[in-house]
């Protein structure tokens, strides 16, 4: 059985960094993450530069039925 959750991550470096950091953080509390789908990418602009990168992710993980 697989379950999906939707999460939003941020980074001041890049969209890739936002994705990597979000998956790493989610992995601290969610076991068995199997897949990530990028739903949307957007950014906050300050002046003429991107100040913050945002990603909306669909994380998939396996549910372990025999877990105590």
N, C-alpha and C. Protein backbone atom coordinates (compact mmCIF):
# COMPACT_ATOMS: atom_id res chain seq x y z
N UNK A 1 0.84 -1.16 0.00
CA UNK A 1 0.00 0.00 0.00
C UNK A 1 0.89 1.23 0.00
N UNK A 2 0.48 2.22 -0.77
CA UNK A 2 1.25 3.45 -0.87
C UNK A 2 0.37 4.63 -0.49
N UNK A 3 0.96 5.59 0.18
CA UNK A 3 0.24 6.79 0.60
C UNK A 3 0.96 8.00 0.03
N UNK A 4 0.21 9.08 -0.19
CA UNK A 4 0.76 10.33 -0.72
C UNK A 4 0.48 11.46 0.25
N UNK A 5 1.45 12.34 0.39
CA UNK A 5 1.23 13.59 1.11
C UNK A 5 1.79 14.73 0.26
N UNK A 6 1.20 15.89 0.42
CA UNK A 6 1.65 17.06 -0.31
C UNK A 6 2.34 18.00 0.68
N UNK A 7 3.55 18.42 0.31
CA UNK A 7 4.33 19.30 1.17
C UNK A 7 4.90 20.45 0.35
N UNK A 8 5.19 21.55 1.02
CA UNK A 8 5.83 22.70 0.39
C UNK A 8 7.18 22.92 1.04
N UNK A 9 8.20 23.07 0.22
CA UNK A 9 9.55 23.31 0.71
C UNK A 9 10.08 24.63 0.19
N UNK A 10 11.09 25.16 0.88
CA UNK A 10 11.69 26.43 0.49
C UNK A 10 13.20 26.37 0.56
N UNK A 11 13.82 27.28 -0.18
CA UNK A 11 15.27 27.43 -0.15
C UNK A 11 15.61 28.83 -0.63
N UNK A 12 16.72 29.35 -0.16
CA UNK A 12 17.21 30.63 -0.68
C UNK A 12 18.27 30.40 -1.75
N UNK A 13 18.55 29.12 -2.06
CA UNK A 13 19.62 28.78 -3.01
C UNK A 13 19.07 28.44 -4.40
N UNK A 14 18.13 27.45 -4.46
CA UNK A 14 17.60 27.02 -5.75
C UNK A 14 16.39 26.12 -5.56
N UNK A 15 15.68 25.84 -6.67
CA UNK A 15 14.56 24.89 -6.60
C UNK A 15 15.07 23.50 -6.26
N UNK A 16 16.19 23.12 -6.86
CA UNK A 16 16.76 21.80 -6.57
C UNK A 16 17.07 21.66 -5.08
N UNK A 17 17.67 22.69 -4.50
CA UNK A 17 17.98 22.65 -3.08
C UNK A 17 16.70 22.55 -2.25
N UNK A 18 15.66 23.25 -2.65
CA UNK A 18 14.38 23.17 -1.94
C UNK A 18 13.84 21.75 -1.96
N UNK A 19 13.96 21.08 -3.10
CA UNK A 19 13.50 19.70 -3.23
C UNK A 19 14.32 18.78 -2.34
N UNK A 20 15.63 18.88 -2.44
CA UNK A 20 16.53 18.01 -1.67
C UNK A 20 16.31 18.22 -0.17
N UNK A 21 16.23 19.45 0.27
CA UNK A 21 16.05 19.75 1.70
C UNK A 21 14.69 19.28 2.21
N UNK A 22 13.67 19.42 1.39
CA UNK A 22 12.32 19.00 1.80
C UNK A 22 12.24 17.49 1.94
N UNK A 23 12.80 16.76 0.99
CA UNK A 23 12.81 15.30 1.08
C UNK A 23 13.63 14.85 2.30
N UNK A 24 14.76 15.47 2.52
CA UNK A 24 15.60 15.12 3.68
C UNK A 24 14.86 15.37 4.99
N UNK A 25 14.17 16.49 5.08
CA UNK A 25 13.42 16.81 6.30
C UNK A 25 12.24 15.86 6.49
N UNK A 26 11.52 15.57 5.43
CA UNK A 26 10.39 14.65 5.52
C UNK A 26 10.85 13.25 5.91
N UNK A 27 12.03 12.85 5.45
CA UNK A 27 12.57 11.53 5.76
C UNK A 27 12.86 11.34 7.25
N UNK A 28 12.96 12.42 7.98
CA UNK A 28 13.20 12.32 9.42
C UNK A 28 11.99 11.75 10.16
N UNK A 29 10.80 11.97 9.63
CA UNK A 29 9.59 11.51 10.30
C UNK A 29 8.74 10.55 9.48
N UNK A 30 9.06 10.40 8.19
CA UNK A 30 8.30 9.49 7.33
C UNK A 30 9.25 8.41 6.83
N UNK A 31 8.93 7.16 7.15
CA UNK A 31 9.73 6.04 6.69
C UNK A 31 9.29 5.62 5.29
N UNK A 32 10.21 5.03 4.56
CA UNK A 32 9.92 4.37 3.28
C UNK A 32 9.43 5.31 2.17
N UNK A 33 9.98 6.52 2.08
CA UNK A 33 9.64 7.39 0.96
C UNK A 33 10.15 6.73 -0.31
N UNK A 34 9.27 6.59 -1.29
CA UNK A 34 9.62 5.87 -2.52
C UNK A 34 9.67 6.75 -3.76
N UNK A 35 9.00 7.90 -3.71
CA UNK A 35 8.88 8.69 -4.93
C UNK A 35 8.58 10.14 -4.56
N UNK A 36 9.01 11.05 -5.41
CA UNK A 36 8.66 12.45 -5.25
C UNK A 36 8.24 12.99 -6.62
N UNK A 37 7.14 13.71 -6.62
CA UNK A 37 6.66 14.35 -7.85
C UNK A 37 6.60 15.85 -7.60
N UNK A 38 7.20 16.60 -8.50
CA UNK A 38 7.19 18.06 -8.38
C UNK A 38 5.88 18.58 -8.98
N UNK A 39 5.07 19.17 -8.14
CA UNK A 39 3.77 19.67 -8.57
C UNK A 39 3.89 21.08 -9.13
N UNK A 40 4.62 21.93 -8.40
CA UNK A 40 4.75 23.33 -8.82
C UNK A 40 6.04 23.93 -8.28
N UNK A 41 6.60 24.85 -9.03
CA UNK A 41 7.76 25.63 -8.60
C UNK A 41 7.40 27.10 -8.74
N UNK A 42 7.77 27.88 -7.73
CA UNK A 42 7.55 29.32 -7.81
C UNK A 42 8.62 30.02 -6.98
N UNK A 43 8.69 31.33 -7.09
CA UNK A 43 9.74 32.05 -6.38
C UNK A 43 9.24 33.40 -5.93
N UNK A 44 9.84 33.88 -4.83
CA UNK A 44 9.59 35.22 -4.33
C UNK A 44 10.70 36.12 -4.87
N UNK A 45 10.32 37.22 -5.45
CA UNK A 45 11.28 38.15 -6.02
C UNK A 45 11.39 39.38 -5.13
N UNK A 46 12.63 39.77 -4.87
CA UNK A 46 12.90 40.97 -4.09
C UNK A 46 13.85 41.82 -4.92
N UNK A 47 13.40 43.01 -5.25
CA UNK A 47 14.20 43.83 -6.15
C UNK A 47 14.19 43.19 -7.52
N UNK A 48 15.36 42.91 -8.05
CA UNK A 48 15.46 42.26 -9.35
C UNK A 48 15.99 40.84 -9.25
N UNK A 49 15.99 40.28 -8.02
CA UNK A 49 16.56 38.95 -7.82
C UNK A 49 15.57 38.03 -7.11
N UNK A 50 15.74 36.73 -7.34
CA UNK A 50 14.95 35.74 -6.62
C UNK A 50 15.46 35.67 -5.18
N UNK A 51 14.55 35.86 -4.25
CA UNK A 51 14.92 35.85 -2.84
C UNK A 51 14.67 34.49 -2.19
N UNK A 52 13.63 33.79 -2.67
CA UNK A 52 13.31 32.48 -2.10
C UNK A 52 12.62 31.62 -3.14
N UNK A 53 13.00 30.35 -3.15
CA UNK A 53 12.44 29.37 -4.07
C UNK A 53 11.46 28.48 -3.32
N UNK A 54 10.31 28.20 -3.94
CA UNK A 54 9.28 27.35 -3.32
C UNK A 54 8.99 26.17 -4.24
N UNK A 55 8.77 25.01 -3.64
CA UNK A 55 8.36 23.83 -4.40
C UNK A 55 7.21 23.14 -3.67
N UNK A 56 6.21 22.73 -4.43
CA UNK A 56 5.14 21.90 -3.90
C UNK A 56 5.40 20.49 -4.40
N UNK A 57 5.47 19.55 -3.46
CA UNK A 57 5.83 18.18 -3.78
C UNK A 57 4.74 17.21 -3.36
N UNK A 58 4.61 16.14 -4.13
CA UNK A 58 3.77 15.00 -3.78
C UNK A 58 4.75 13.89 -3.39
N UNK A 59 4.82 13.59 -2.10
CA UNK A 59 5.71 12.52 -1.62
C UNK A 59 4.92 11.24 -1.49
N UNK A 60 5.46 10.15 -2.02
CA UNK A 60 4.84 8.83 -1.91
C UNK A 60 5.66 8.00 -0.95
N UNK A 61 4.98 7.22 -0.13
CA UNK A 61 5.70 6.32 0.77
C UNK A 61 4.90 5.05 0.99
N UNK A 62 5.61 3.98 1.26
CA UNK A 62 5.00 2.69 1.47
C UNK A 62 4.56 2.56 2.93
N UNK A 63 3.37 2.03 3.11
CA UNK A 63 2.87 1.78 4.46
C UNK A 63 3.22 0.34 4.83
N UNK A 64 3.92 0.20 5.93
CA UNK A 64 4.32 -1.13 6.40
C UNK A 64 3.20 -1.67 7.29
N UNK A 65 2.50 -2.67 6.81
CA UNK A 65 1.33 -3.22 7.52
C UNK A 65 1.74 -4.01 8.79
N UNK A 66 2.92 -4.61 8.79
CA UNK A 66 3.34 -5.46 9.91
C UNK A 66 4.07 -4.69 11.00
N UNK A 67 4.06 -3.41 10.93
CA UNK A 67 4.77 -2.58 11.90
C UNK A 67 4.04 -2.55 13.24
N UNK A 68 4.79 -2.63 14.31
CA UNK A 68 4.18 -2.57 15.64
C UNK A 68 3.96 -1.17 16.10
